[in-house]
Amino acid sequence: RKLKQVAKAHDKAINTLFKGEGGQLLSAGRDGKVQFWDTSMNNTKTIDIAALLGKSCRRPVIKSVCLNDDSSKLLVGTEGSEIFEVDAASCKDLHNGALVSGHYKDELWGAASNPMKSEVATVGDDGTLRLWDLKARGLRAGESVLDLAGMARAVCYSPDGKLIAVGFGGSVGKGRQKCDGEYAVYDAETLALVHKAKDSKEWIQDLKFSPDGKTLAVGSHDNTVYFYAVDKGWKLRSKFSKHSSFITHLDFSEDSTFLKSNCGAYELLYSDVFTGNQITSASSLRDSPWATDSCILGWGQQNPPTEAGGVGASDPPAPPPPPPTPPTTEMFNSNPSRRPHSASTYAPPQKHTTYCSTFMAAVVVSTTIFASLSNIATVSNASRYPPLGKLFDVGDPENYPYFFQGIYRSRSLHLWCEGSSIDNGQPVILFEHGWMGSSMDWGLVRGPMSEFTRVCSYDRAGYGWSDQGPEPRTSEQIARETERLLEVAEDYIWEGKGRSQLLLAGHSMAGFQMRIFQDRNKDLVGGILFADAVNPDYVPGAGFGNRNHPTP
């Protein structure tokens, strides 16, 4: 091709281009500026995002831009994992801050809930401490982000919620960090520094306050747990150094006397908080009540999955947990039990992604922040808790038979809908969960979306509140069952107004059956959104052409 024209656009690298209406072109990049170009490549407007947003934009390196249909509003996505909405004409920030924000560098490990209110603290490899309001589904009002001395991977609240302790350091394959081994304590309201110390040279993976608030335990990658006397000026009281590998998890007993700890060598050891001595008779503490249950090894956590990052148990009284998943789940009973295979719910982590719409921005918040903060609840029987939606009998002896021991059986699928699409003509959104999930997986996305359209999610056969389905479980079979569910629940889904188009949204394994469902129902499906969906070609033999390949 012949080069027609060269235009000087930016002082640094260009990261993104966007084509608007009427041939308008937008460019943006590392200089933090958005340039507008007409069809003759004349520069018609410049928006300096760094100057416009000031300190509210933490890293004004622009990674993505997008105009709405009438070119009146501009979305700007930055390297700091933030999305801003700007008036394209007046160049004003429409929301006095980011629509979406999050940690933005390497990995996110540290998360802790405030024991006194609906607030969560997170720390990450980006070197920031962030405080989130769970009710507002975003950063809390007031002081909410603090720049730390370096990357951090451990955080906890004091029992009264007034202090936040942070453990520093980490490894991303780039050598040691200057902050490795440090810990710091901050005021939970003002984020002012209360105390800072360093007794270890290796990074901190876990730390916790004792239930009485008088001891802070810090677990380091030097194989040692450090015990600090909070009520005596944070003096180092004792050390426990019997582990043969780096410390991964810590839990205090309810009386603040003992500590159980796990390490990288999959050891479970017990120690005296005051002397640092090992409690060699582990069975003597078998039935001791523990203030937290984050250790992945213990009397109650039997045969854990090899790469489990952590487990937890809710404090009574607890809200109704999600319904049980099939018995093949690999998160095990968090209550003391002699049975070696008491399985509980396992919620897989989700990866961060960025979208240019209200719907997609909601998915960003769900998958980057709140998924990281989800609690793992132990459940025993879904019948203890009423379904969130309705149960629909999808049995049909002629077209959708389900026979057991030669007898036709009825069976139900759980469907949960809310919101309305009657007045605005929007499509109904149908959510489908991933492997070992349920209709509740999309809960944080459904809420915002139900404000302007009808949203539905369902439990596949054998998951959540739905009955088991016929074998073999294939993507083709699941797609047919979804068709049957839409048939019997049509009035519930479309509010008695007849069918309109569906927008499908699937996570992980749902990518298999949603592709097949769309192929079978091209006129019904108006679009598909995949969140970290499995590529059919990723699993040998399970490509799109093999619809009858067994699914998990």
Protein backbone atom coordinates (compact mmCIF):
# COMPACT_ATOMS: atom_id res chain seq x y z
CA ARG A 1 0.00 0.00 0.00
CA LYS A 2 1.13 3.54 -0.71
CA LEU A 3 1.59 5.88 2.25
CA LYS A 4 -0.70 8.86 1.75
CA GLN A 5 -0.09 11.11 4.75
CA VAL A 6 1.86 11.34 8.00
CA ALA A 7 0.53 13.39 10.93
CA LYS A 8 2.35 14.25 14.15
CA ALA A 9 -0.17 13.11 16.75
CA HIS A 10 1.42 12.44 20.14
CA ASP A 11 4.64 12.99 22.06
CA LYS A 12 4.73 9.37 23.21
CA ALA A 13 3.52 5.98 22.00
CA ILE A 14 -0.02 5.72 20.60
CA ASN A 15 -1.92 2.94 22.37
CA THR A 16 -5.37 3.11 20.81
CA LEU A 17 -7.43 4.40 17.87
CA PHE A 18 -11.21 4.78 17.64
CA LYS A 19 -13.31 5.49 14.56
CA GLY A 20 -16.37 7.61 15.29
CA GLU A 21 -19.37 8.73 13.26
CA GLY A 22 -18.75 10.56 9.99
CA GLY A 23 -15.20 9.32 9.65
CA GLN A 24 -13.99 11.04 12.81
CA LEU A 25 -10.86 9.43 14.26
CA LEU A 26 -9.65 9.48 17.86
CA SER A 27 -6.12 8.64 18.99
CA ALA A 28 -4.70 8.36 22.50
CA GLY A 29 -1.60 7.04 24.21
CA ARG A 30 1.10 7.37 26.81
CA ASP A 31 1.12 11.17 26.80
CA GLY A 32 -2.34 11.15 28.42
CA LYS A 33 -4.00 13.07 25.59
CA VAL A 34 -6.97 12.26 23.36
CA GLN A 35 -6.67 13.77 19.87
CA PHE A 36 -9.66 14.24 17.53
CA TRP A 37 -9.06 14.11 13.74
CA ASP A 38 -11.34 14.85 10.80
CA THR A 39 -11.35 12.95 7.50
CA SER A 40 -8.50 15.13 6.18
CA MET A 41 -6.39 14.29 9.25
CA ASN A 42 -6.71 17.79 10.67
CA ASN A 43 -6.51 17.93 14.46
CA THR A 44 -9.88 19.35 15.57
CA LYS A 45 -9.65 18.93 19.36
CA THR A 46 -7.30 17.83 22.13
CA ILE A 47 -8.34 16.63 25.58
CA ASP A 48 -5.50 16.44 28.09
CA ILE A 49 -6.74 13.77 30.48
CA ALA A 50 -3.90 14.27 32.95
CA ALA A 51 -4.64 18.00 33.26
CA LEU A 52 -8.42 17.50 33.26
CA LEU A 53 -8.64 14.81 35.92
CA GLY A 54 -5.67 15.72 38.08
CA LYS A 55 -5.08 13.47 41.09
CA SER A 56 -8.33 11.58 40.52
CA CYS A 57 -6.54 9.78 37.66
CA ARG A 58 -3.72 7.77 39.19
CA ARG A 59 -1.98 6.73 35.95
CA PRO A 60 -3.06 8.92 33.00
CA VAL A 61 -1.60 6.59 30.39
CA ILE A 62 -4.58 5.97 28.09
CA LYS A 63 -5.18 2.41 26.90
CA SER A 64 -8.65 2.72 25.32
CA VAL A 65 -11.16 5.36 24.17
CA CYS A 66 -14.75 5.09 22.99
CA LEU A 67 -17.44 7.58 21.88
CA ASN A 68 -21.16 6.97 22.32
CA ASP A 69 -23.50 6.89 19.30
CA ASP A 70 -24.02 10.67 19.06
CA SER A 71 -20.38 11.46 19.92
CA SER A 72 -21.41 13.52 22.95
CA LYS A 73 -19.71 11.38 25.60
CA LEU A 74 -16.24 9.90 25.72
CA LEU A 75 -15.11 6.89 27.74
CA VAL A 76 -11.41 6.78 28.62
CA GLY A 77 -9.72 3.67 29.99
CA THR A 78 -6.32 4.15 31.62
CA GLU A 79 -3.34 2.03 32.58
CA GLY A 80 -4.40 2.58 36.18
CA SER A 81 -7.41 0.27 35.68
CA GLU A 82 -9.78 3.25 35.70
CA ILE A 83 -12.60 4.24 33.36
CA PHE A 84 -13.68 7.90 33.16
CA GLU A 85 -16.62 9.44 31.29
CA VAL A 86 -16.01 12.89 29.81
CA ASP A 87 -18.32 15.32 28.03
CA ALA A 88 -16.83 15.45 24.54
CA ALA A 89 -17.99 19.03 23.90
CA SER A 90 -17.15 20.77 27.20
CA CYS A 91 -14.31 18.38 28.14
CA LYS A 92 -15.70 18.04 31.68
CA ASP A 93 -15.47 14.99 33.92
CA LEU A 94 -19.10 13.86 34.18
CA HIS A 95 -18.77 11.95 37.45
CA ASN A 96 -16.07 13.77 39.42
CA GLY A 97 -13.97 10.64 39.37
CA ALA A 98 -13.70 7.20 37.88
CA LEU A 99 -16.73 5.12 36.91
CA VAL A 100 -14.66 1.99 37.50
CA SER A 101 -11.38 1.61 39.35
CA GLY A 102 -9.19 -1.18 40.64
CA HIS A 103 -5.68 -2.44 41.24
CA TYR A 104 -3.66 -2.29 38.06
CA LYS A 105 -0.28 -3.99 38.29
CA ASP A 106 0.73 -7.66 38.37
CA GLU A 107 -1.22 -9.57 41.06
CA LEU A 108 -3.88 -8.90 43.71
CA TRP A 109 -3.58 -11.06 46.86
CA GLY A 110 -4.54 -9.16 49.99
CA ALA A 111 -8.19 -8.74 51.00
CA ALA A 112 -9.83 -8.32 54.42
CA SER A 113 -13.32 -7.41 55.61
CA ASN A 114 -14.01 -4.79 58.28
CA PRO A 115 -15.62 -6.59 61.25
CA MET A 116 -17.77 -3.56 62.09
CA LYS A 117 -19.23 -2.49 58.73
CA SER A 118 -19.67 -3.40 55.07
CA GLU A 119 -16.17 -2.43 54.05
CA VAL A 120 -13.29 -4.35 52.53
CA ALA A 121 -9.61 -3.47 52.32
CA THR A 122 -7.39 -4.70 49.48
CA VAL A 123 -3.66 -4.40 48.79
CA GLY A 124 -1.85 -5.35 45.61
CA ASP A 125 1.35 -5.41 43.64
CA ASP A 126 0.55 -1.89 42.43
CA GLY A 127 1.56 -0.63 45.88
CA THR A 128 -1.83 0.74 46.92
CA LEU A 129 -4.22 0.14 49.82
CA ARG A 130 -7.85 0.55 48.76
CA LEU A 131 -11.01 0.61 50.88
CA TRP A 132 -14.26 -0.52 49.28
CA ASP A 133 -17.87 0.13 50.28
CA LEU A 134 -19.69 -3.14 49.52
CA LYS A 135 -23.12 -1.49 49.58
CA ALA A 136 -22.07 1.23 47.13
CA ARG A 137 -20.08 -1.32 45.10
CA GLY A 138 -17.14 0.98 44.76
CA LEU A 139 -14.47 2.88 46.65
CA ARG A 140 -15.77 4.26 49.92
CA ALA A 141 -16.41 7.97 50.38
CA GLY A 142 -13.57 10.01 51.84
CA GLU A 143 -10.05 8.62 52.17
CA SER A 144 -10.14 5.41 50.14
CA VAL A 145 -6.77 4.95 48.38
CA LEU A 146 -3.31 5.13 49.94
CA ASP A 147 0.01 4.87 48.12
CA LEU A 148 2.22 2.44 50.01
CA ALA A 149 5.99 2.05 50.20
CA GLY A 150 5.88 -0.84 47.73
CA MET A 151 3.96 -3.93 46.72
CA ALA A 152 1.87 -5.61 49.42
CA ARG A 153 0.11 -8.96 49.61
CA ALA A 154 -1.33 -9.16 53.13
CA VAL A 155 -3.87 -6.99 54.95
CA CYS A 156 -6.12 -7.29 58.01
CA TYR A 157 -8.37 -5.21 60.28
CA SER A 158 -8.14 -5.02 64.05
CA PRO A 159 -11.14 -6.57 65.88
CA ASP A 160 -12.69 -3.13 66.48
CA GLY A 161 -12.19 -2.10 62.85
CA LYS A 162 -10.12 0.94 63.81
CA LEU A 163 -6.73 -0.24 62.52
CA ILE A 164 -5.50 -1.79 59.28
CA ALA A 165 -2.26 -3.79 59.18
CA VAL A 166 -0.43 -4.32 55.89
CA GLY A 167 2.34 -6.83 55.13
CA PHE A 168 4.79 -5.75 52.43
CA GLY A 169 6.73 -7.46 49.67
CA GLY A 170 6.15 -10.11 47.05
CA SER A 171 7.65 -11.84 44.08
CA VAL A 172 6.83 -11.48 40.39
CA GLY A 173 10.07 -12.89 39.04
CA LYS A 174 11.89 -9.55 39.06
CA GLY A 175 14.12 -9.99 42.10
CA ARG A 176 13.75 -8.81 45.68
CA GLN A 177 11.76 -5.78 46.76
CA LYS A 178 13.15 -3.11 49.09
CA CYS A 179 10.01 -3.38 51.20
CA ASP A 180 10.22 -7.17 51.68
CA GLY A 181 9.61 -8.05 55.34
CA GLU A 182 8.08 -4.73 56.41
CA TYR A 183 4.70 -4.34 58.03
CA ALA A 184 2.76 -1.16 58.75
CA VAL A 185 -0.37 -0.24 60.69
CA TYR A 186 -2.73 2.55 59.58
CA ASP A 187 -5.74 4.33 61.03
CA ALA A 188 -8.75 2.82 59.24
CA GLU A 189 -10.54 6.18 58.91
CA THR A 190 -7.79 8.64 58.04
CA LEU A 191 -5.23 6.14 56.65
CA ALA A 192 -2.59 7.89 58.76
CA LEU A 193 0.46 5.78 59.63
CA VAL A 194 0.31 4.45 63.21
CA HIS A 195 3.34 2.15 63.28
CA LYS A 196 5.90 0.64 60.94
CA ALA A 197 8.60 -1.99 61.55
CA LYS A 198 10.76 -4.62 59.86
CA ASP A 199 12.17 -7.71 61.57
CA SER A 200 12.23 -10.00 58.54
CA LYS A 201 14.11 -9.79 55.26
CA GLU A 202 11.56 -11.86 53.32
CA TRP A 203 8.13 -10.77 52.16
CA ILE A 204 4.97 -11.11 54.24
CA GLN A 205 2.18 -13.36 52.97
CA ASP A 206 -0.26 -13.27 55.91
CA LEU A 207 -0.86 -11.32 59.11
CA LYS A 208 -3.70 -11.17 61.64
CA PHE A 209 -4.76 -9.48 64.86
CA SER A 210 -5.76 -11.67 67.79
CA PRO A 211 -9.47 -11.55 68.77
CA ASP A 212 -8.64 -9.46 71.85
CA GLY A 213 -6.63 -7.04 69.71
CA LYS A 214 -3.52 -7.33 71.88
CA THR A 215 -1.35 -9.35 69.49
CA LEU A 216 -0.42 -8.97 65.83
CA ALA A 217 0.94 -12.11 64.15
CA VAL A 218 3.02 -11.62 60.99
CA GLY A 219 3.84 -14.61 58.76
CA SER A 220 6.96 -14.23 56.64
CA HIS A 221 8.66 -16.06 53.79
CA ASP A 222 11.64 -16.59 56.11
CA ASN A 223 9.62 -19.50 57.63
CA THR A 224 8.87 -17.49 60.80
CA VAL A 225 5.79 -16.11 62.53
CA TYR A 226 6.46 -12.89 64.48
CA PHE A 227 4.24 -11.99 67.46
CA TYR A 228 3.96 -8.28 68.34
CA ALA A 229 2.45 -6.92 71.58
CA VAL A 230 0.03 -4.24 70.38
CA ASP A 231 -0.64 -2.96 73.90
CA LYS A 232 3.10 -2.56 74.60
CA GLY A 233 4.11 -0.28 71.78
CA TRP A 234 4.18 -3.02 69.14
CA LYS A 235 7.13 -4.70 70.85
CA LEU A 236 8.30 -8.00 69.33
CA ARG A 237 7.17 -10.44 72.01
CA SER A 238 8.18 -13.81 70.52
CA LYS A 239 8.88 -15.74 67.32
CA PHE A 240 7.79 -19.14 66.06
CA SER A 241 10.32 -20.71 63.67
CA LYS A 242 9.47 -24.40 63.42
CA HIS A 243 8.08 -24.39 59.87
CA SER A 244 10.26 -25.82 57.11
CA SER A 245 8.92 -23.45 54.43
CA PHE A 246 7.41 -19.98 54.01
CA ILE A 247 4.31 -19.07 56.04
CA THR A 248 1.08 -19.02 54.02
CA HIS A 249 -1.88 -18.87 56.46
CA LEU A 250 -2.54 -17.91 60.09
CA ASP A 251 -5.49 -18.33 62.49
CA PHE A 252 -5.88 -17.36 66.16
CA SER A 253 -7.85 -19.34 68.72
CA GLU A 254 -10.90 -17.56 70.10
CA ASP A 255 -9.16 -16.98 73.44
CA SER A 256 -6.17 -15.33 71.67
CA THR A 257 -3.80 -17.87 73.25
CA PHE A 258 -2.86 -20.17 70.37
CA LEU A 259 -2.07 -19.85 66.68
CA LYS A 260 -2.32 -22.42 63.92
CA SER A 261 -0.30 -21.89 60.77
CA ASN A 262 0.31 -23.43 57.35
CA CYS A 263 3.43 -23.18 55.23
CA GLY A 264 4.61 -23.86 51.69
CA ALA A 265 5.58 -27.40 52.67
CA TYR A 266 1.92 -28.12 53.57
CA GLU A 267 2.58 -28.29 57.30
CA LEU A 268 -0.01 -27.56 59.98
CA LEU A 269 1.65 -26.43 63.21
CA TYR A 270 0.38 -24.94 66.47
CA SER A 271 2.17 -22.42 68.66
CA ASP A 272 1.82 -20.49 71.91
CA VAL A 273 1.19 -16.82 71.14
CA PHE A 274 3.05 -15.56 74.22
CA THR A 275 6.15 -17.77 74.26
CA GLY A 276 6.45 -18.74 70.60
CA ASN A 277 6.83 -22.37 71.63
CA GLN A 278 5.40 -25.14 69.46
CA ILE A 279 2.40 -27.09 70.74
CA THR A 280 3.65 -30.53 69.75
CA SER A 281 0.44 -32.34 70.72
CA ALA A 282 -1.71 -31.14 67.84
CA SER A 283 -4.60 -33.38 68.90
CA SER A 284 -4.92 -31.38 72.12
CA LEU A 285 -6.18 -28.43 70.04
CA ARG A 286 -8.32 -30.47 67.69
CA ASP A 287 -11.64 -29.20 69.07
CA SER A 288 -10.46 -25.72 70.06
CA PRO A 289 -12.66 -22.93 68.69
CA TRP A 290 -10.85 -20.66 66.24
CA ALA A 291 -11.59 -17.01 65.57
CA THR A 292 -10.97 -17.48 61.84
CA ASP A 293 -10.65 -20.46 59.48
CA SER A 294 -8.33 -19.29 56.72
CA CYS A 295 -5.81 -22.15 56.93
CA ILE A 296 -6.19 -24.62 54.07
CA LEU A 297 -4.90 -27.45 56.27
CA GLY A 298 -6.47 -28.47 59.58
CA TRP A 299 -8.74 -30.88 61.42
CA GLY A 300 -11.72 -29.45 59.58
CA GLN A 301 -10.06 -28.94 56.18
CA GLN A 302 -9.37 -32.48 55.03
CA ASN A 303 -7.79 -33.44 51.69
CA PRO A 304 -7.72 -29.87 50.32
CA PRO A 305 -7.05 -29.20 46.62
CA THR A 306 -3.34 -28.88 45.88
CA GLU A 307 -3.37 -25.22 44.89
CA ALA A 308 -6.03 -23.87 47.28
CA GLY A 309 -5.37 -20.22 48.04
CA GLY A 310 -7.52 -20.10 51.16
CA VAL A 311 -10.74 -21.09 52.83
CA GLY A 312 -13.04 -19.34 55.28
CA ALA A 313 -16.10 -19.85 57.46
CA SER A 314 -18.75 -17.22 58.15
CA ASP A 315 -19.43 -16.07 61.71
CA PRO A 316 -22.91 -16.80 63.10
CA PRO A 317 -25.46 -15.51 62.40
CA ALA A 318 -24.60 -15.90 58.72
CA PRO A 319 -26.71 -15.09 55.64
CA PRO A 320 -28.02 -18.05 53.63
CA PRO A 321 -25.09 -19.51 51.70
CA PRO A 322 -25.34 -20.51 48.04
CA PRO A 323 -26.82 -23.91 47.20
CA PRO A 324 -24.54 -26.95 46.95
CA THR A 325 -22.73 -27.87 43.76
CA PRO A 326 -22.18 -31.41 42.45
CA PRO A 327 -20.17 -33.73 44.74
CA THR A 328 -17.12 -33.50 42.46
CA THR A 329 -16.27 -30.05 43.91
CA GLU A 330 -12.83 -29.82 45.54
CA MET A 331 -13.40 -27.36 48.42
CA PHE A 332 -13.76 -29.45 51.58
CA ASN A 333 -15.73 -29.19 54.81
CA SER A 334 -14.61 -26.31 57.03
CA ASN A 335 -16.30 -27.80 60.13
CA PRO A 336 -14.50 -30.50 62.18
CA SER A 337 -15.33 -33.93 60.80
CA ARG A 338 -13.76 -37.37 60.76
CA ARG A 339 -15.08 -38.04 57.27
CA PRO A 340 -12.28 -37.41 54.77
CA HIS A 341 -14.42 -36.27 51.84
CA SER A 342 -17.02 -33.76 53.09
CA ALA A 343 -17.24 -31.49 50.06
CA SER A 344 -18.35 -27.85 50.06
CA THR A 345 -18.73 -25.02 47.55
CA TYR A 346 -15.76 -23.89 45.45
CA ALA A 347 -15.83 -20.50 43.75
CA PRO A 348 -13.17 -20.20 40.99
CA PRO A 349 -11.31 -16.89 40.56
CA GLN A 350 -12.09 -14.68 37.60
CA LYS A 351 -9.74 -12.64 35.50
CA HIS A 352 -9.84 -8.89 34.96
CA THR A 353 -11.14 -7.50 31.68
CA THR A 354 -12.33 -4.10 30.45
CA TYR A 355 -15.43 -3.21 28.44
CA CYS A 356 -16.80 -0.05 26.82
CA SER A 357 -20.44 0.03 28.00
CA THR A 358 -22.46 0.15 31.19
CA PHE A 359 -23.05 -3.60 31.05
CA MET A 360 -19.41 -4.39 30.45
CA ALA A 361 -18.23 -1.96 33.11
CA ALA A 362 -20.43 -3.81 35.61
CA VAL A 363 -18.70 -7.04 34.61
CA VAL A 364 -15.33 -5.38 35.22
CA VAL A 365 -16.24 -4.51 38.81
CA SER A 366 -17.63 -7.98 39.42
CA THR A 367 -14.71 -9.90 38.00
CA THR A 368 -11.84 -7.73 39.27
CA ILE A 369 -12.79 -6.66 42.73
CA PHE A 370 -15.79 -8.33 44.27
CA ALA A 371 -15.01 -11.73 43.00
CA SER A 372 -11.70 -11.43 44.85
CA LEU A 373 -13.59 -10.63 48.01
CA SER A 374 -16.18 -13.42 47.91
CA ASN A 375 -16.46 -15.64 51.00
CA ILE A 376 -16.50 -19.44 50.70
CA ALA A 377 -19.50 -20.82 52.62
CA THR A 378 -20.03 -24.42 53.75
CA VAL A 379 -23.46 -25.79 52.85
CA SER A 380 -25.15 -29.12 53.38
CA ASN A 381 -28.65 -28.97 51.93
CA ALA A 382 -30.22 -26.55 49.45
CA SER A 383 -33.67 -27.39 50.80
CA ARG A 384 -32.82 -25.34 53.89
CA TYR A 385 -32.91 -22.18 51.80
CA PRO A 386 -35.71 -21.14 49.42
CA PRO A 387 -34.77 -20.60 45.75
CA LEU A 388 -34.25 -17.00 44.69
CA GLY A 389 -36.37 -17.48 41.57
CA LYS A 390 -38.84 -20.10 40.40
CA LEU A 391 -38.62 -23.82 39.62
CA PHE A 392 -39.94 -24.92 36.22
CA ASP A 393 -40.65 -28.53 35.26
CA VAL A 394 -38.77 -29.11 32.01
CA GLY A 395 -39.79 -32.76 31.73
CA ASP A 396 -41.48 -33.71 28.47
CA PRO A 397 -42.00 -37.43 27.74
CA GLU A 398 -42.14 -36.88 23.98
CA ASN A 399 -39.48 -34.27 23.23
CA TYR A 400 -37.32 -33.99 26.35
CA PRO A 401 -37.57 -37.39 28.03
CA TYR A 402 -35.96 -38.18 31.36
CA PHE A 403 -36.27 -41.81 32.34
CA PHE A 404 -34.99 -43.37 35.53
CA GLN A 405 -35.22 -47.14 36.01
CA GLY A 406 -37.66 -47.27 33.09
CA ILE A 407 -40.07 -44.71 34.58
CA TYR A 408 -40.58 -41.17 33.27
CA ARG A 409 -39.61 -38.58 35.88
CA SER A 410 -40.40 -34.89 36.09
CA ARG A 411 -37.51 -32.57 36.87
CA SER A 412 -37.13 -28.86 37.51
CA LEU A 413 -34.66 -26.15 36.57
CA HIS A 414 -34.26 -23.02 38.68
CA LEU A 415 -34.71 -19.66 36.88
CA TRP A 416 -34.30 -16.27 38.55
CA CYS A 417 -35.50 -13.09 36.77
CA GLU A 418 -35.87 -9.47 37.83
CA GLY A 419 -36.24 -6.06 36.21
CA SER A 420 -38.38 -5.25 33.18
CA SER A 421 -37.81 -4.70 29.46
CA ILE A 422 -41.41 -3.98 28.48
CA ASP A 423 -41.22 -0.18 28.35
CA ASN A 424 -37.73 0.34 26.94
CA GLY A 425 -37.53 -2.34 24.27
CA GLN A 426 -34.24 -3.68 25.57
CA PRO A 427 -33.40 -7.36 25.05
CA VAL A 428 -33.69 -9.78 27.94
CA ILE A 429 -30.26 -10.79 29.28
CA LEU A 430 -29.79 -14.48 30.10
CA PHE A 431 -26.79 -15.26 32.32
CA GLU A 432 -25.21 -18.71 32.58
CA HIS A 433 -22.67 -19.72 35.21
CA GLY A 434 -19.39 -21.56 34.83
CA TRP A 435 -18.24 -24.90 36.14
CA MET A 436 -19.07 -25.48 39.82
CA GLY A 437 -21.09 -22.26 39.87
CA SER A 438 -24.74 -21.32 40.22
CA SER A 439 -27.25 -18.65 39.25
CA MET A 440 -25.88 -16.52 42.10
CA ASP A 441 -22.49 -16.11 40.39
CA TRP A 442 -23.76 -13.12 38.39
CA GLY A 443 -25.42 -11.46 41.41
CA LEU A 444 -23.26 -8.34 41.43
CA VAL A 445 -23.84 -7.77 37.71
CA ARG A 446 -27.58 -8.46 37.74
CA GLY A 447 -28.38 -5.66 40.17
CA PRO A 448 -27.19 -2.71 38.06
CA MET A 449 -28.49 -4.28 34.84
CA SER A 450 -31.99 -4.94 36.21
CA GLU A 451 -32.50 -1.20 36.58
CA PHE A 452 -33.04 -0.80 32.84
CA THR A 453 -33.85 -4.24 31.44
CA ARG A 454 -35.02 -7.75 32.30
CA VAL A 455 -32.23 -10.02 33.55
CA CYS A 456 -32.42 -13.77 34.14
CA SER A 457 -29.98 -16.42 35.31
CA TYR A 458 -30.54 -20.12 35.77
CA ASP A 459 -28.95 -23.18 37.32
CA ARG A 460 -27.99 -25.90 34.88
CA ALA A 461 -29.24 -29.37 35.73
CA GLY A 462 -27.44 -30.68 38.79
CA TYR A 463 -26.34 -27.23 39.99
CA GLY A 464 -27.84 -24.84 42.54
CA TRP A 465 -31.54 -25.46 43.03
CA SER A 466 -31.99 -27.44 39.79
CA ASP A 467 -32.59 -31.19 39.70
CA GLN A 468 -30.09 -33.60 38.21
CA GLY A 469 -30.37 -34.10 34.45
CA PRO A 470 -30.11 -37.17 32.23
CA GLU A 471 -26.75 -38.63 31.29
CA PRO A 472 -24.55 -38.10 29.41
CA ARG A 473 -24.18 -34.39 30.16
CA THR A 474 -23.17 -32.83 26.82
CA SER A 475 -23.28 -29.27 25.55
CA GLU A 476 -25.90 -30.29 23.00
CA GLN A 477 -28.08 -31.74 25.78
CA ILE A 478 -27.66 -28.62 27.93
CA ALA A 479 -28.58 -26.36 24.99
CA ARG A 480 -31.75 -28.41 24.42
CA GLU A 481 -32.63 -28.15 28.10
CA THR A 482 -32.19 -24.38 27.93
CA GLU A 483 -34.59 -24.26 24.98
CA ARG A 484 -37.12 -26.27 26.96
CA LEU A 485 -36.73 -23.95 29.96
CA LEU A 486 -37.40 -20.90 27.77
CA GLU A 487 -40.47 -22.66 26.41
CA VAL A 488 -42.12 -23.48 29.74
CA ALA A 489 -41.03 -20.22 31.41
CA GLU A 490 -41.80 -17.90 28.48
CA ASP A 491 -44.41 -15.82 30.33
CA TYR A 492 -42.09 -15.43 33.33
CA ILE A 493 -39.10 -14.38 31.23
CA TRP A 494 -40.87 -12.02 28.81
CA GLU A 495 -43.57 -10.93 31.28
CA GLY A 496 -46.41 -12.34 29.18
CA LYS A 497 -45.67 -10.08 26.19
CA GLY A 498 -44.26 -12.70 23.84
CA ARG A 499 -40.67 -13.41 22.96
CA SER A 500 -38.14 -10.71 22.12
CA GLN A 501 -34.43 -11.05 21.47
CA LEU A 502 -32.08 -12.53 24.04
CA LEU A 503 -28.63 -11.27 24.96
CA LEU A 504 -26.55 -14.20 26.27
CA ALA A 505 -23.83 -13.74 28.89
CA GLY A 506 -21.74 -16.75 29.87
CA HIS A 507 -18.80 -17.39 32.15
CA SER A 508 -16.14 -20.07 31.76
CA MET A 509 -17.66 -23.42 30.74
CA ALA A 510 -20.88 -21.71 29.61
CA GLY A 511 -18.96 -20.77 26.47
CA PHE A 512 -19.47 -24.33 25.20
CA GLN A 513 -23.25 -24.57 25.39
CA MET A 514 -24.00 -20.91 24.63
CA ARG A 515 -22.26 -21.23 21.26
CA ILE A 516 -24.40 -24.27 20.48
CA PHE A 517 -27.59 -22.64 21.79
CA GLN A 518 -26.96 -19.61 19.57
CA ASP A 519 -26.33 -21.84 16.57
CA ARG A 520 -29.67 -23.56 17.18
CA ASN A 521 -31.55 -20.30 17.82
CA LYS A 522 -30.04 -17.66 15.52
CA ASP A 523 -33.24 -15.61 15.26
CA LEU A 524 -33.72 -15.47 19.02
CA VAL A 525 -30.18 -14.53 20.07
CA GLY A 526 -29.17 -10.93 19.42
CA GLY A 527 -25.68 -11.13 20.88
CA ILE A 528 -23.32 -13.01 23.17
CA LEU A 529 -20.93 -11.78 25.86
CA PHE A 530 -18.28 -14.17 27.18
CA ALA A 531 -16.46 -13.55 30.48
CA ASP A 532 -13.29 -15.64 30.58
CA ALA A 533 -15.06 -18.31 28.54
CA VAL A 534 -13.43 -21.61 27.67
CA ASN A 535 -12.44 -21.87 24.02
CA PRO A 536 -13.97 -25.05 22.53
CA ASP A 537 -10.62 -25.85 20.94
CA TYR A 538 -8.87 -25.72 24.31
CA VAL A 539 -10.23 -29.11 25.42
CA PRO A 540 -9.24 -31.98 23.09
CA GLY A 541 -12.29 -33.45 21.39
CA ALA A 542 -14.61 -30.71 22.67
CA GLY A 543 -14.51 -28.41 19.65
CA PHE A 544 -17.62 -26.72 18.29
CA GLY A 545 -18.13 -29.55 15.85
CA ASN A 546 -18.31 -32.14 18.63
CA ARG A 547 -21.52 -31.18 20.36
CA ASN A 548 -21.86 -34.48 22.16
CA HIS A 549 -18.54 -34.32 23.99
CA PRO A 550 -19.19 -34.84 27.76
CA THR A 551 -19.01 -31.68 29.88
CA PRO A 552 -17.79 -31.41 33.49
